[in-house]
């Protein structure tokens, strides 16, 4: 045997460090939660800035629009629901 064979056997390879499965799950859940927060904020901003978009939400997802109105009422902003209903009924006539 030559010297290289002995050197190779003496050197131990460091074990590969792998990220624990729990950490990967945590990062995935954190990413999904952040994406959800930004998505909900974008939806709120769109509903807050456009009556036409609120009309679309009223036709497609009335429960989401109801939650929007309730959150505004909890924040002390009243009358938005009634104003929208009046505008939509005037538009239909």
N, C-alpha and C. Protein backbone atom coordinates (compact mmCIF):
# COMPACT_ATOMS: atom_id res chain seq x y z
N UNK A 1 0.84 -1.18 0.00
CA UNK A 1 0.00 0.00 0.00
C UNK A 1 0.88 1.23 0.00
N UNK A 2 0.38 2.23 -0.65
CA UNK A 2 1.18 3.45 -0.68
C UNK A 2 0.65 4.45 0.34
N UNK A 3 1.29 5.57 0.39
CA UNK A 3 1.00 6.58 1.40
C UNK A 3 -0.38 7.21 1.19
N UNK A 4 -0.82 7.33 -0.05
CA UNK A 4 -2.11 7.96 -0.34
C UNK A 4 -3.27 7.16 0.24
N UNK A 5 -3.17 5.84 0.21
CA UNK A 5 -4.24 5.01 0.75
C UNK A 5 -4.41 5.23 2.24
N UNK A 6 -3.33 5.38 2.96
CA UNK A 6 -3.41 5.61 4.40
C UNK A 6 -3.96 7.00 4.71
N UNK A 7 -3.59 7.98 3.92
CA UNK A 7 -4.09 9.34 4.16
C UNK A 7 -5.60 9.41 3.92
N UNK A 8 -6.06 8.71 2.92
CA UNK A 8 -7.48 8.76 2.60
C UNK A 8 -8.30 8.11 3.72
N UNK A 9 -7.79 7.03 4.30
CA UNK A 9 -8.51 6.34 5.35
C UNK A 9 -8.49 7.14 6.64
N UNK A 10 -7.46 7.91 6.87
CA UNK A 10 -7.35 8.67 8.10
C UNK A 10 -8.29 9.88 8.11
N UNK A 11 -8.53 10.43 6.96
CA UNK A 11 -9.40 11.61 6.90
C UNK A 11 -10.85 11.16 6.97
N UNK A 12 -11.55 11.74 7.88
CA UNK A 12 -12.97 11.44 7.99
C UNK A 12 -13.76 12.57 7.35
N UNK A 13 -14.73 12.19 6.59
CA UNK A 13 -15.56 13.20 5.95
C UNK A 13 -16.56 13.73 6.97
N UNK A 14 -16.73 15.02 6.96
CA UNK A 14 -17.71 15.62 7.86
C UNK A 14 -19.11 15.23 7.39
N UNK A 15 -19.97 14.89 8.33
CA UNK A 15 -21.33 14.52 7.92
C UNK A 15 -22.04 15.72 7.30
N UNK A 16 -22.82 15.42 6.29
CA UNK A 16 -23.56 16.50 5.65
C UNK A 16 -24.64 17.01 6.61
N UNK A 17 -24.65 18.31 6.76
CA UNK A 17 -25.68 18.88 7.63
C UNK A 17 -26.90 19.18 6.78
N UNK A 18 -27.99 18.69 7.22
CA UNK A 18 -29.24 18.91 6.51
C UNK A 18 -30.15 19.75 7.39
N UNK A 19 -30.93 20.57 6.73
CA UNK A 19 -31.88 21.38 7.46
C UNK A 19 -32.97 20.46 8.00
N UNK A 20 -33.29 20.60 9.26
CA UNK A 20 -34.33 19.72 9.81
C UNK A 20 -35.67 19.92 9.10
N UNK A 21 -36.42 18.86 9.07
CA UNK A 21 -37.72 18.88 8.40
C UNK A 21 -38.65 19.91 9.03
N UNK A 22 -38.59 20.06 10.34
CA UNK A 22 -39.45 21.03 11.02
C UNK A 22 -39.14 22.45 10.58
N UNK A 23 -37.88 22.74 10.35
CA UNK A 23 -37.50 24.09 9.91
C UNK A 23 -38.04 24.36 8.50
N UNK A 24 -38.00 23.35 7.64
CA UNK A 24 -38.55 23.51 6.29
C UNK A 24 -40.05 23.76 6.35
N UNK A 25 -40.72 23.00 7.20
CA UNK A 25 -42.17 23.19 7.37
C UNK A 25 -42.45 24.59 7.89
N UNK A 26 -41.69 25.03 8.87
CA UNK A 26 -41.88 26.37 9.44
C UNK A 26 -41.71 27.45 8.38
N UNK A 27 -40.67 27.32 7.57
CA UNK A 27 -40.44 28.31 6.51
C UNK A 27 -41.57 28.31 5.50
N UNK A 28 -42.07 27.14 5.17
CA UNK A 28 -43.18 27.04 4.23
C UNK A 28 -44.45 27.68 4.77
N UNK A 29 -44.75 27.40 6.03
CA UNK A 29 -45.93 27.98 6.66
C UNK A 29 -45.78 29.49 6.77
N UNK A 30 -44.60 29.95 7.14
CA UNK A 30 -44.35 31.39 7.24
C UNK A 30 -44.52 32.07 5.89
N UNK A 31 -44.01 31.45 4.84
CA UNK A 31 -44.17 32.01 3.49
C UNK A 31 -45.64 32.08 3.10
N UNK A 32 -46.39 31.02 3.37
CA UNK A 32 -47.81 31.01 3.02
C UNK A 32 -48.58 32.07 3.80
N UNK A 33 -48.24 32.26 5.07
CA UNK A 33 -48.92 33.28 5.87
C UNK A 33 -48.61 34.67 5.36
N UNK A 34 -47.36 34.93 5.01
CA UNK A 34 -47.01 36.24 4.46
C UNK A 34 -47.71 36.48 3.13
N UNK A 35 -47.77 35.46 2.29
CA UNK A 35 -48.47 35.60 1.02
C UNK A 35 -49.95 35.88 1.25
N UNK A 36 -50.54 35.23 2.24
CA UNK A 36 -51.95 35.46 2.55
C UNK A 36 -52.18 36.87 3.06
N UNK A 37 -51.29 37.36 3.92
CA UNK A 37 -51.43 38.73 4.45
C UNK A 37 -51.36 39.74 3.33
N UNK A 38 -50.38 39.60 2.44
CA UNK A 38 -50.26 40.54 1.33
C UNK A 38 -51.44 40.41 0.37
N UNK A 39 -51.93 39.20 0.16
CA UNK A 39 -53.09 39.01 -0.70
C UNK A 39 -54.35 39.65 -0.13
N UNK A 40 -54.56 39.48 1.17
CA UNK A 40 -55.72 40.08 1.82
C UNK A 40 -55.61 41.60 1.80
N UNK A 41 -54.40 42.11 2.04
CA UNK A 41 -54.22 43.56 1.97
C UNK A 41 -54.51 44.09 0.57
N UNK A 42 -54.04 43.39 -0.45
CA UNK A 42 -54.32 43.80 -1.82
C UNK A 42 -55.80 43.79 -2.13
N UNK A 43 -56.50 42.76 -1.65
CA UNK A 43 -57.95 42.68 -1.85
C UNK A 43 -58.66 43.82 -1.13
N UNK A 44 -58.24 44.10 0.10
CA UNK A 44 -58.84 45.20 0.86
C UNK A 44 -58.59 46.53 0.16
N UNK A 45 -57.38 46.73 -0.33
CA UNK A 45 -57.05 47.98 -1.02
C UNK A 45 -57.90 48.14 -2.28
N UNK A 46 -58.07 47.06 -3.02
CA UNK A 46 -58.88 47.13 -4.24
C UNK A 46 -60.34 47.44 -3.91
N UNK A 47 -60.87 46.81 -2.85
CA UNK A 47 -62.25 47.09 -2.47
C UNK A 47 -62.40 48.49 -1.90
N UNK A 48 -61.38 48.96 -1.21
CA UNK A 48 -61.44 50.27 -0.58
C UNK A 48 -61.36 51.40 -1.61
N UNK A 49 -60.78 51.14 -2.76
CA UNK A 49 -60.55 52.21 -3.73
C UNK A 49 -61.50 52.18 -4.92
N UNK A 50 -62.33 51.15 -5.07
CA UNK A 50 -63.16 51.06 -6.27
C UNK A 50 -64.55 50.52 -5.95
N UNK A 51 -65.55 51.35 -6.18
CA UNK A 51 -66.94 50.91 -5.98
C UNK A 51 -67.30 49.84 -7.01
N UNK A 52 -66.78 49.95 -8.22
CA UNK A 52 -67.06 48.94 -9.25
C UNK A 52 -66.52 47.57 -8.83
N UNK A 53 -65.34 47.56 -8.22
CA UNK A 53 -64.78 46.30 -7.74
C UNK A 53 -65.64 45.73 -6.61
N UNK A 54 -66.13 46.62 -5.74
CA UNK A 54 -67.04 46.15 -4.68
C UNK A 54 -68.31 45.57 -5.29
N UNK A 55 -68.78 46.14 -6.40
CA UNK A 55 -69.94 45.58 -7.08
C UNK A 55 -69.66 44.19 -7.63
N UNK A 56 -68.48 44.02 -8.18
CA UNK A 56 -68.07 42.69 -8.66
C UNK A 56 -68.00 41.70 -7.50
N UNK A 57 -67.43 42.15 -6.39
CA UNK A 57 -67.36 41.28 -5.21
C UNK A 57 -68.75 40.96 -4.68
N UNK A 58 -69.67 41.92 -4.79
CA UNK A 58 -71.04 41.70 -4.35
C UNK A 58 -71.71 40.60 -5.17
N UNK A 59 -71.43 40.56 -6.45
CA UNK A 59 -72.02 39.53 -7.32
C UNK A 59 -71.34 38.17 -7.13
N UNK A 60 -70.02 38.17 -6.99
CA UNK A 60 -69.29 36.90 -6.96
C UNK A 60 -69.10 36.34 -5.55
N UNK A 61 -68.69 37.20 -4.62
CA UNK A 61 -68.38 36.75 -3.25
C UNK A 61 -69.03 37.69 -2.24
N UNK A 62 -70.35 37.61 -2.06
CA UNK A 62 -71.01 38.54 -1.15
C UNK A 62 -70.56 38.42 0.30
N UNK A 63 -70.13 37.23 0.72
CA UNK A 63 -69.68 37.08 2.11
C UNK A 63 -68.37 37.84 2.35
N UNK A 64 -67.50 37.89 1.35
CA UNK A 64 -66.25 38.64 1.48
C UNK A 64 -66.55 40.13 1.56
N UNK A 65 -67.49 40.60 0.74
CA UNK A 65 -67.86 42.01 0.78
C UNK A 65 -68.51 42.36 2.11
N UNK A 66 -69.32 41.46 2.64
CA UNK A 66 -69.93 41.69 3.95
C UNK A 66 -68.86 41.82 5.03
N UNK A 67 -67.85 40.99 4.96
CA UNK A 67 -66.74 41.09 5.91
C UNK A 67 -66.01 42.43 5.77
N UNK A 68 -65.86 42.91 4.54
CA UNK A 68 -65.25 44.22 4.29
C UNK A 68 -66.06 45.32 4.96
N UNK A 69 -67.39 45.28 4.76
CA UNK A 69 -68.24 46.29 5.38
C UNK A 69 -68.17 46.22 6.91
N UNK A 70 -68.19 45.01 7.45
CA UNK A 70 -68.12 44.86 8.91
C UNK A 70 -66.80 45.37 9.46
N UNK A 71 -65.70 45.10 8.76
CA UNK A 71 -64.40 45.58 9.26
C UNK A 71 -64.34 47.10 9.24
N UNK A 72 -64.97 47.73 8.23
CA UNK A 72 -65.03 49.19 8.21
C UNK A 72 -65.90 49.72 9.34
N UNK A 73 -67.01 49.03 9.62
CA UNK A 73 -67.87 49.46 10.72
C UNK A 73 -67.16 49.30 12.06
N UNK A 74 -66.38 48.24 12.23
CA UNK A 74 -65.60 48.08 13.46
C UNK A 74 -64.57 49.19 13.61
N UNK A 75 -64.08 49.69 12.47
CA UNK A 75 -63.09 50.77 12.49
C UNK A 75 -63.76 52.14 12.64
N UNK A 76 -65.09 52.18 12.67
CA UNK A 76 -65.79 53.44 12.86
C UNK A 76 -66.21 54.13 11.58
N UNK A 77 -66.13 53.44 10.46
CA UNK A 77 -66.55 54.01 9.17
C UNK A 77 -67.92 53.43 8.85
N UNK A 78 -68.95 54.26 8.97
CA UNK A 78 -70.32 53.80 8.77
C UNK A 78 -70.88 54.38 7.48
N UNK A 79 -71.90 53.73 6.94
CA UNK A 79 -72.63 54.25 5.80
C UNK A 79 -72.11 53.82 4.45
N UNK A 80 -71.01 53.11 4.40
CA UNK A 80 -70.44 52.70 3.13
C UNK A 80 -71.34 51.70 2.41
N UNK A 81 -71.89 50.78 3.16
CA UNK A 81 -72.78 49.76 2.58
C UNK A 81 -74.01 50.43 1.95
N UNK A 82 -74.61 51.36 2.68
CA UNK A 82 -75.80 52.04 2.18
C UNK A 82 -75.49 52.89 0.96
N UNK A 83 -74.34 53.58 0.99
CA UNK A 83 -73.94 54.41 -0.15
C UNK A 83 -73.73 53.55 -1.40
N UNK A 84 -73.10 52.39 -1.23
CA UNK A 84 -72.90 51.49 -2.36
C UNK A 84 -74.24 50.98 -2.90
N UNK A 85 -75.15 50.59 -2.00
CA UNK A 85 -76.45 50.08 -2.43
C UNK A 85 -77.22 51.14 -3.22
N UNK A 86 -77.15 52.39 -2.74
CA UNK A 86 -77.83 53.48 -3.46
C UNK A 86 -77.22 53.69 -4.84
N UNK A 87 -75.90 53.67 -4.92
CA UNK A 87 -75.22 53.89 -6.20
C UNK A 87 -75.52 52.75 -7.17
N UNK A 88 -75.54 51.51 -6.69
CA UNK A 88 -75.82 50.38 -7.56
C UNK A 88 -77.28 50.37 -8.02
N UNK A 89 -78.20 50.74 -7.13
CA UNK A 89 -79.61 50.77 -7.54
C UNK A 89 -79.86 51.91 -8.53
N UNK A 90 -79.18 53.04 -8.37
CA UNK A 90 -79.31 54.15 -9.33
C UNK A 90 -78.72 53.77 -10.68
N UNK A 91 -77.68 52.97 -10.67
CA UNK A 91 -77.04 52.54 -11.91
C UNK A 91 -77.94 51.59 -12.70
N UNK A 92 -78.72 50.77 -11.99
CA UNK A 92 -79.61 49.81 -12.64
C UNK A 92 -80.80 50.50 -13.29
N UNK A 93 -81.23 51.62 -12.72
CA UNK A 93 -82.42 52.31 -13.23
C UNK A 93 -82.19 53.03 -14.50
